[in-house]
Amino acid sequence: MDRRTRQVWVGNSPVALTPKEFELLALLTEDPGAVYSRQQILDRVWDPHYEGPTKTLDVHVATLRRKLGNSAWIQTLRGVGFRLAVHTQPPAAYQAPGPQAAYR
C-alpha cells in the first residue's frame, strides 16, 4: 500500500479501491492487529458526525475483502470491531534456514 500515491497491490497486481475502501484499509494498516471499533472506523473514515446506517461499514469491509482476494486479511471480532490480520509465524511451507544452511 502506498499512501502517497493511494495505490494498493496484492502481489504484482494493482487493486482498484474506492476512496472509502482506501481510507478503511489505510486505517487498518496503521496498526496491524489492533482492533478498531465500528464507531472508531466510522469516525475516522466517514465523519465524526456520520449518522447513516452502520451496515455501510459491513458492505465496505466485504467489498474490500473480495478485492484483496483473501477474506481472512480483515478479521471481524464479533461485538467489538475489525482488525487487519497479523501473521505471527511464517506459513507452514516456509522453513527458516538452520545454522548449517550458510555452509551448503
N, C-alpha and C. Protein backbone atom coordinates (compact mmCIF):
# COMPACT_ATOMS: atom_id res chain seq x y z
N MET A 1 0.85 -1.17 0.00
CA MET A 1 0.00 0.00 0.00
C MET A 1 0.89 1.23 0.00
N ASP A 2 0.65 2.11 -0.92
CA ASP A 2 1.40 3.36 -1.00
C ASP A 2 0.42 4.50 -0.72
N ARG A 3 0.50 5.06 0.47
CA ARG A 3 -0.43 6.12 0.87
C ARG A 3 -0.22 7.39 0.06
N ARG A 4 1.01 7.64 -0.31
CA ARG A 4 1.33 8.86 -1.04
C ARG A 4 0.64 8.89 -2.40
N THR A 5 0.67 7.76 -3.11
CA THR A 5 0.05 7.69 -4.43
C THR A 5 -1.34 7.07 -4.40
N ARG A 6 -1.75 6.62 -3.20
CA ARG A 6 -3.06 5.99 -3.00
C ARG A 6 -3.23 4.76 -3.89
N GLN A 7 -2.18 3.95 -3.98
CA GLN A 7 -2.22 2.73 -4.76
C GLN A 7 -2.04 1.52 -3.85
N VAL A 8 -2.71 0.44 -4.24
CA VAL A 8 -2.65 -0.81 -3.48
C VAL A 8 -2.37 -1.94 -4.46
N TRP A 9 -1.53 -2.87 -4.05
CA TRP A 9 -1.22 -4.05 -4.85
C TRP A 9 -1.38 -5.28 -3.97
N VAL A 10 -1.78 -6.36 -4.61
CA VAL A 10 -1.71 -7.68 -3.99
C VAL A 10 -0.76 -8.45 -4.87
N GLY A 11 0.42 -8.73 -4.33
CA GLY A 11 1.49 -9.29 -5.16
C GLY A 11 1.88 -8.24 -6.18
N ASN A 12 1.84 -8.60 -7.46
CA ASN A 12 2.17 -7.64 -8.52
C ASN A 12 0.93 -7.06 -9.18
N SER A 13 -0.25 -7.40 -8.66
CA SER A 13 -1.49 -6.94 -9.27
C SER A 13 -2.04 -5.71 -8.55
N PRO A 14 -2.29 -4.64 -9.31
CA PRO A 14 -2.90 -3.46 -8.68
C PRO A 14 -4.35 -3.75 -8.30
N VAL A 15 -4.80 -3.13 -7.24
CA VAL A 15 -6.17 -3.29 -6.76
C VAL A 15 -6.84 -1.92 -6.80
N ALA A 16 -7.92 -1.82 -7.54
CA ALA A 16 -8.66 -0.56 -7.65
C ALA A 16 -9.61 -0.44 -6.46
N LEU A 17 -9.43 0.59 -5.65
CA LEU A 17 -10.27 0.81 -4.49
C LEU A 17 -10.98 2.16 -4.59
N THR A 18 -12.17 2.22 -4.02
CA THR A 18 -12.86 3.50 -3.92
C THR A 18 -12.16 4.32 -2.84
N PRO A 19 -12.39 5.62 -2.78
CA PRO A 19 -11.77 6.42 -1.72
C PRO A 19 -12.07 5.89 -0.31
N LYS A 20 -13.29 5.48 -0.03
CA LYS A 20 -13.63 4.95 1.31
C LYS A 20 -12.93 3.63 1.57
N GLU A 21 -12.86 2.76 0.58
CA GLU A 21 -12.15 1.49 0.75
C GLU A 21 -10.68 1.74 1.04
N PHE A 22 -10.09 2.70 0.33
CA PHE A 22 -8.68 3.01 0.56
C PHE A 22 -8.49 3.54 1.98
N GLU A 23 -9.35 4.45 2.41
CA GLU A 23 -9.23 5.02 3.76
C GLU A 23 -9.43 3.96 4.83
N LEU A 24 -10.35 3.04 4.60
CA LEU A 24 -10.57 1.95 5.55
C LEU A 24 -9.34 1.07 5.65
N LEU A 25 -8.77 0.69 4.52
CA LEU A 25 -7.56 -0.13 4.53
C LEU A 25 -6.39 0.64 5.14
N ALA A 26 -6.28 1.92 4.84
CA ALA A 26 -5.21 2.74 5.42
C ALA A 26 -5.31 2.77 6.93
N LEU A 27 -6.53 2.91 7.45
CA LEU A 27 -6.71 2.92 8.90
C LEU A 27 -6.29 1.60 9.50
N LEU A 28 -6.74 0.49 8.92
CA LEU A 28 -6.41 -0.82 9.47
C LEU A 28 -4.91 -1.11 9.41
N THR A 29 -4.23 -0.57 8.40
CA THR A 29 -2.78 -0.82 8.27
C THR A 29 -1.94 0.09 9.15
N GLU A 30 -2.56 1.11 9.76
CA GLU A 30 -1.80 1.99 10.66
C GLU A 30 -1.21 1.20 11.82
N ASP A 31 -1.97 0.22 12.32
CA ASP A 31 -1.53 -0.57 13.46
C ASP A 31 -2.05 -2.00 13.26
N PRO A 32 -1.39 -2.78 12.40
CA PRO A 32 -1.87 -4.14 12.11
C PRO A 32 -2.06 -4.94 13.40
N GLY A 33 -3.20 -5.60 13.49
CA GLY A 33 -3.52 -6.40 14.67
C GLY A 33 -4.36 -5.64 15.69
N ALA A 34 -4.29 -4.31 15.64
CA ALA A 34 -5.09 -3.51 16.58
C ALA A 34 -6.56 -3.59 16.16
N VAL A 35 -7.42 -3.66 17.14
CA VAL A 35 -8.85 -3.73 16.88
C VAL A 35 -9.43 -2.32 16.89
N TYR A 36 -10.18 -2.02 15.83
CA TYR A 36 -10.87 -0.73 15.73
C TYR A 36 -12.36 -0.99 15.86
N SER A 37 -13.01 -0.29 16.76
CA SER A 37 -14.45 -0.45 16.92
C SER A 37 -15.16 0.13 15.71
N ARG A 38 -16.40 -0.27 15.55
CA ARG A 38 -17.21 0.26 14.44
C ARG A 38 -17.25 1.79 14.53
N GLN A 39 -17.45 2.31 15.75
CA GLN A 39 -17.56 3.75 15.90
C GLN A 39 -16.24 4.45 15.58
N GLN A 40 -15.11 3.87 15.99
CA GLN A 40 -13.81 4.46 15.65
C GLN A 40 -13.64 4.53 14.14
N ILE A 41 -14.01 3.46 13.45
CA ILE A 41 -13.86 3.44 11.99
C ILE A 41 -14.78 4.46 11.35
N LEU A 42 -16.03 4.49 11.78
CA LEU A 42 -16.97 5.46 11.21
C LEU A 42 -16.50 6.89 11.45
N ASP A 43 -15.98 7.15 12.65
CA ASP A 43 -15.49 8.50 12.98
C ASP A 43 -14.30 8.89 12.11
N ARG A 44 -13.40 7.97 11.88
CA ARG A 44 -12.17 8.31 11.17
C ARG A 44 -12.26 8.18 9.66
N VAL A 45 -13.04 7.23 9.16
CA VAL A 45 -13.11 7.02 7.72
C VAL A 45 -14.28 7.79 7.11
N TRP A 46 -15.38 7.84 7.81
CA TRP A 46 -16.53 8.58 7.30
C TRP A 46 -16.49 9.99 7.88
N ASP A 47 -17.04 10.18 9.07
CA ASP A 47 -17.13 11.52 9.65
C ASP A 47 -17.55 11.35 11.10
N PRO A 48 -16.98 12.14 12.02
CA PRO A 48 -17.39 12.01 13.42
C PRO A 48 -18.89 12.27 13.62
N HIS A 49 -19.51 12.93 12.68
CA HIS A 49 -20.93 13.24 12.80
C HIS A 49 -21.80 12.35 11.90
N TYR A 50 -21.21 11.26 11.38
CA TYR A 50 -21.94 10.35 10.49
C TYR A 50 -23.11 9.74 11.25
N GLU A 51 -24.29 9.82 10.67
CA GLU A 51 -25.47 9.27 11.33
C GLU A 51 -26.22 8.29 10.44
N GLY A 52 -25.58 7.83 9.37
CA GLY A 52 -26.23 6.87 8.48
C GLY A 52 -26.19 5.47 9.07
N PRO A 53 -26.63 4.51 8.28
CA PRO A 53 -26.64 3.12 8.77
C PRO A 53 -25.21 2.58 8.93
N THR A 54 -24.97 1.86 10.03
CA THR A 54 -23.63 1.29 10.25
C THR A 54 -23.39 0.09 9.34
N LYS A 55 -24.43 -0.42 8.69
CA LYS A 55 -24.26 -1.54 7.75
C LYS A 55 -23.39 -1.13 6.57
N THR A 56 -23.30 0.17 6.29
CA THR A 56 -22.42 0.61 5.20
C THR A 56 -20.99 0.16 5.46
N LEU A 57 -20.58 0.12 6.73
CA LEU A 57 -19.24 -0.36 7.07
C LEU A 57 -19.11 -1.83 6.71
N ASP A 58 -20.11 -2.64 7.00
CA ASP A 58 -20.07 -4.07 6.67
C ASP A 58 -19.94 -4.28 5.17
N VAL A 59 -20.67 -3.48 4.41
CA VAL A 59 -20.62 -3.58 2.95
C VAL A 59 -19.22 -3.23 2.45
N HIS A 60 -18.64 -2.16 2.98
CA HIS A 60 -17.29 -1.76 2.56
C HIS A 60 -16.24 -2.81 2.94
N VAL A 61 -16.37 -3.38 4.13
CA VAL A 61 -15.43 -4.42 4.55
C VAL A 61 -15.55 -5.64 3.64
N ALA A 62 -16.77 -6.05 3.34
CA ALA A 62 -16.98 -7.21 2.45
C ALA A 62 -16.40 -6.96 1.07
N THR A 63 -16.61 -5.77 0.54
CA THR A 63 -16.08 -5.44 -0.79
C THR A 63 -14.56 -5.40 -0.76
N LEU A 64 -14.00 -4.82 0.28
CA LEU A 64 -12.54 -4.75 0.41
C LEU A 64 -11.94 -6.15 0.51
N ARG A 65 -12.55 -7.02 1.29
CA ARG A 65 -12.08 -8.40 1.40
C ARG A 65 -12.07 -9.07 0.03
N ARG A 66 -13.16 -8.90 -0.72
CA ARG A 66 -13.25 -9.51 -2.05
C ARG A 66 -12.17 -8.97 -2.97
N LYS A 67 -11.97 -7.66 -2.96
CA LYS A 67 -10.97 -7.05 -3.85
C LYS A 67 -9.56 -7.47 -3.47
N LEU A 68 -9.29 -7.67 -2.19
CA LEU A 68 -7.95 -8.08 -1.76
C LEU A 68 -7.72 -9.56 -2.03
N GLY A 69 -8.79 -10.32 -2.26
CA GLY A 69 -8.64 -11.72 -2.65
C GLY A 69 -8.50 -12.71 -1.51
N ASN A 70 -8.58 -12.24 -0.27
CA ASN A 70 -8.48 -13.14 0.87
C ASN A 70 -9.26 -12.53 2.03
N SER A 71 -10.41 -13.12 2.33
CA SER A 71 -11.26 -12.55 3.37
C SER A 71 -10.62 -12.62 4.75
N ALA A 72 -9.65 -13.50 4.94
CA ALA A 72 -9.02 -13.65 6.26
C ALA A 72 -8.12 -12.46 6.62
N TRP A 73 -7.78 -11.61 5.66
CA TRP A 73 -6.90 -10.48 5.96
C TRP A 73 -7.56 -9.44 6.85
N ILE A 74 -8.88 -9.31 6.75
CA ILE A 74 -9.60 -8.39 7.63
C ILE A 74 -10.49 -9.25 8.52
N GLN A 75 -10.19 -9.23 9.79
CA GLN A 75 -10.92 -10.08 10.73
C GLN A 75 -12.01 -9.28 11.43
N THR A 76 -13.13 -9.94 11.65
CA THR A 76 -14.23 -9.37 12.42
C THR A 76 -14.18 -9.95 13.82
N LEU A 77 -14.18 -9.09 14.81
CA LEU A 77 -14.30 -9.55 16.19
C LEU A 77 -15.71 -9.20 16.62
N ARG A 78 -16.55 -10.20 16.62
CA ARG A 78 -17.98 -10.01 16.85
C ARG A 78 -18.24 -9.18 18.12
N GLY A 79 -19.01 -8.13 17.96
CA GLY A 79 -19.37 -7.27 19.08
C GLY A 79 -18.28 -6.29 19.46
N VAL A 80 -17.13 -6.34 18.77
CA VAL A 80 -16.00 -5.47 19.11
C VAL A 80 -15.63 -4.57 17.94
N GLY A 81 -15.25 -5.17 16.81
CA GLY A 81 -14.85 -4.36 15.66
C GLY A 81 -14.10 -5.18 14.64
N PHE A 82 -13.14 -4.52 14.00
CA PHE A 82 -12.37 -5.13 12.91
C PHE A 82 -10.88 -4.91 13.14
N ARG A 83 -10.08 -5.80 12.56
CA ARG A 83 -8.63 -5.63 12.60
C ARG A 83 -8.01 -6.26 11.37
N LEU A 84 -6.82 -5.78 11.03
CA LEU A 84 -6.03 -6.37 9.96
C LEU A 84 -5.30 -7.55 10.56
N ALA A 85 -5.41 -8.71 9.94
CA ALA A 85 -4.77 -9.92 10.46
C ALA A 85 -3.26 -9.76 10.46
N VAL A 86 -2.64 -10.29 11.48
CA VAL A 86 -1.18 -10.28 11.60
C VAL A 86 -0.72 -11.72 11.68
N HIS A 87 0.21 -12.08 10.81
CA HIS A 87 0.76 -13.43 10.85
C HIS A 87 1.92 -13.43 11.84
N THR A 88 1.79 -14.23 12.89
CA THR A 88 2.83 -14.26 13.92
C THR A 88 3.88 -15.31 13.63
N GLN A 89 3.64 -16.16 12.65
CA GLN A 89 4.64 -17.15 12.28
C GLN A 89 4.60 -17.36 10.77
N PRO A 90 5.70 -17.79 10.20
CA PRO A 90 5.73 -17.99 8.74
C PRO A 90 4.78 -19.10 8.33
N PRO A 91 4.32 -19.06 7.08
CA PRO A 91 3.46 -20.14 6.59
C PRO A 91 4.14 -21.49 6.74
N ALA A 92 3.34 -22.55 6.84
CA ALA A 92 3.87 -23.90 7.07
C ALA A 92 4.87 -24.34 6.00
N ALA A 93 4.71 -23.88 4.76
CA ALA A 93 5.60 -24.29 3.68
C ALA A 93 6.99 -23.67 3.82
N TYR A 94 7.10 -22.61 4.58
CA TYR A 94 8.39 -21.92 4.74
C TYR A 94 9.20 -22.58 5.83
N GLN A 95 10.44 -22.87 5.54
CA GLN A 95 11.36 -23.41 6.54
C GLN A 95 12.51 -22.43 6.71
N ALA A 96 12.66 -21.90 7.88
CA ALA A 96 13.77 -20.99 8.15
C ALA A 96 15.07 -21.78 8.03
N PRO A 97 16.10 -21.17 7.42
CA PRO A 97 17.37 -21.89 7.28
C PRO A 97 18.01 -22.12 8.65
N GLY A 98 18.54 -23.31 8.81
CA GLY A 98 19.23 -23.63 10.06
C GLY A 98 20.66 -23.12 10.01
N PRO A 99 21.42 -23.32 11.08
CA PRO A 99 22.79 -22.80 11.13
C PRO A 99 23.70 -23.39 10.05
N GLN A 100 23.41 -24.61 9.57
CA GLN A 100 24.25 -25.22 8.56
C GLN A 100 23.94 -24.71 7.16
N ALA A 101 22.85 -24.00 6.98
CA ALA A 101 22.45 -23.55 5.66
C ALA A 101 23.52 -22.65 5.03
N ALA A 102 24.24 -21.89 5.83
CA ALA A 102 25.27 -20.99 5.31
C ALA A 102 26.46 -21.77 4.75
N TYR A 103 26.63 -23.03 5.14
CA TYR A 103 27.79 -23.78 4.73
C TYR A 103 27.51 -24.74 3.56
N ARG A 104 26.30 -24.76 3.06
CA ARG A 104 25.97 -25.68 1.96
C ARG A 104 26.40 -25.16 0.63
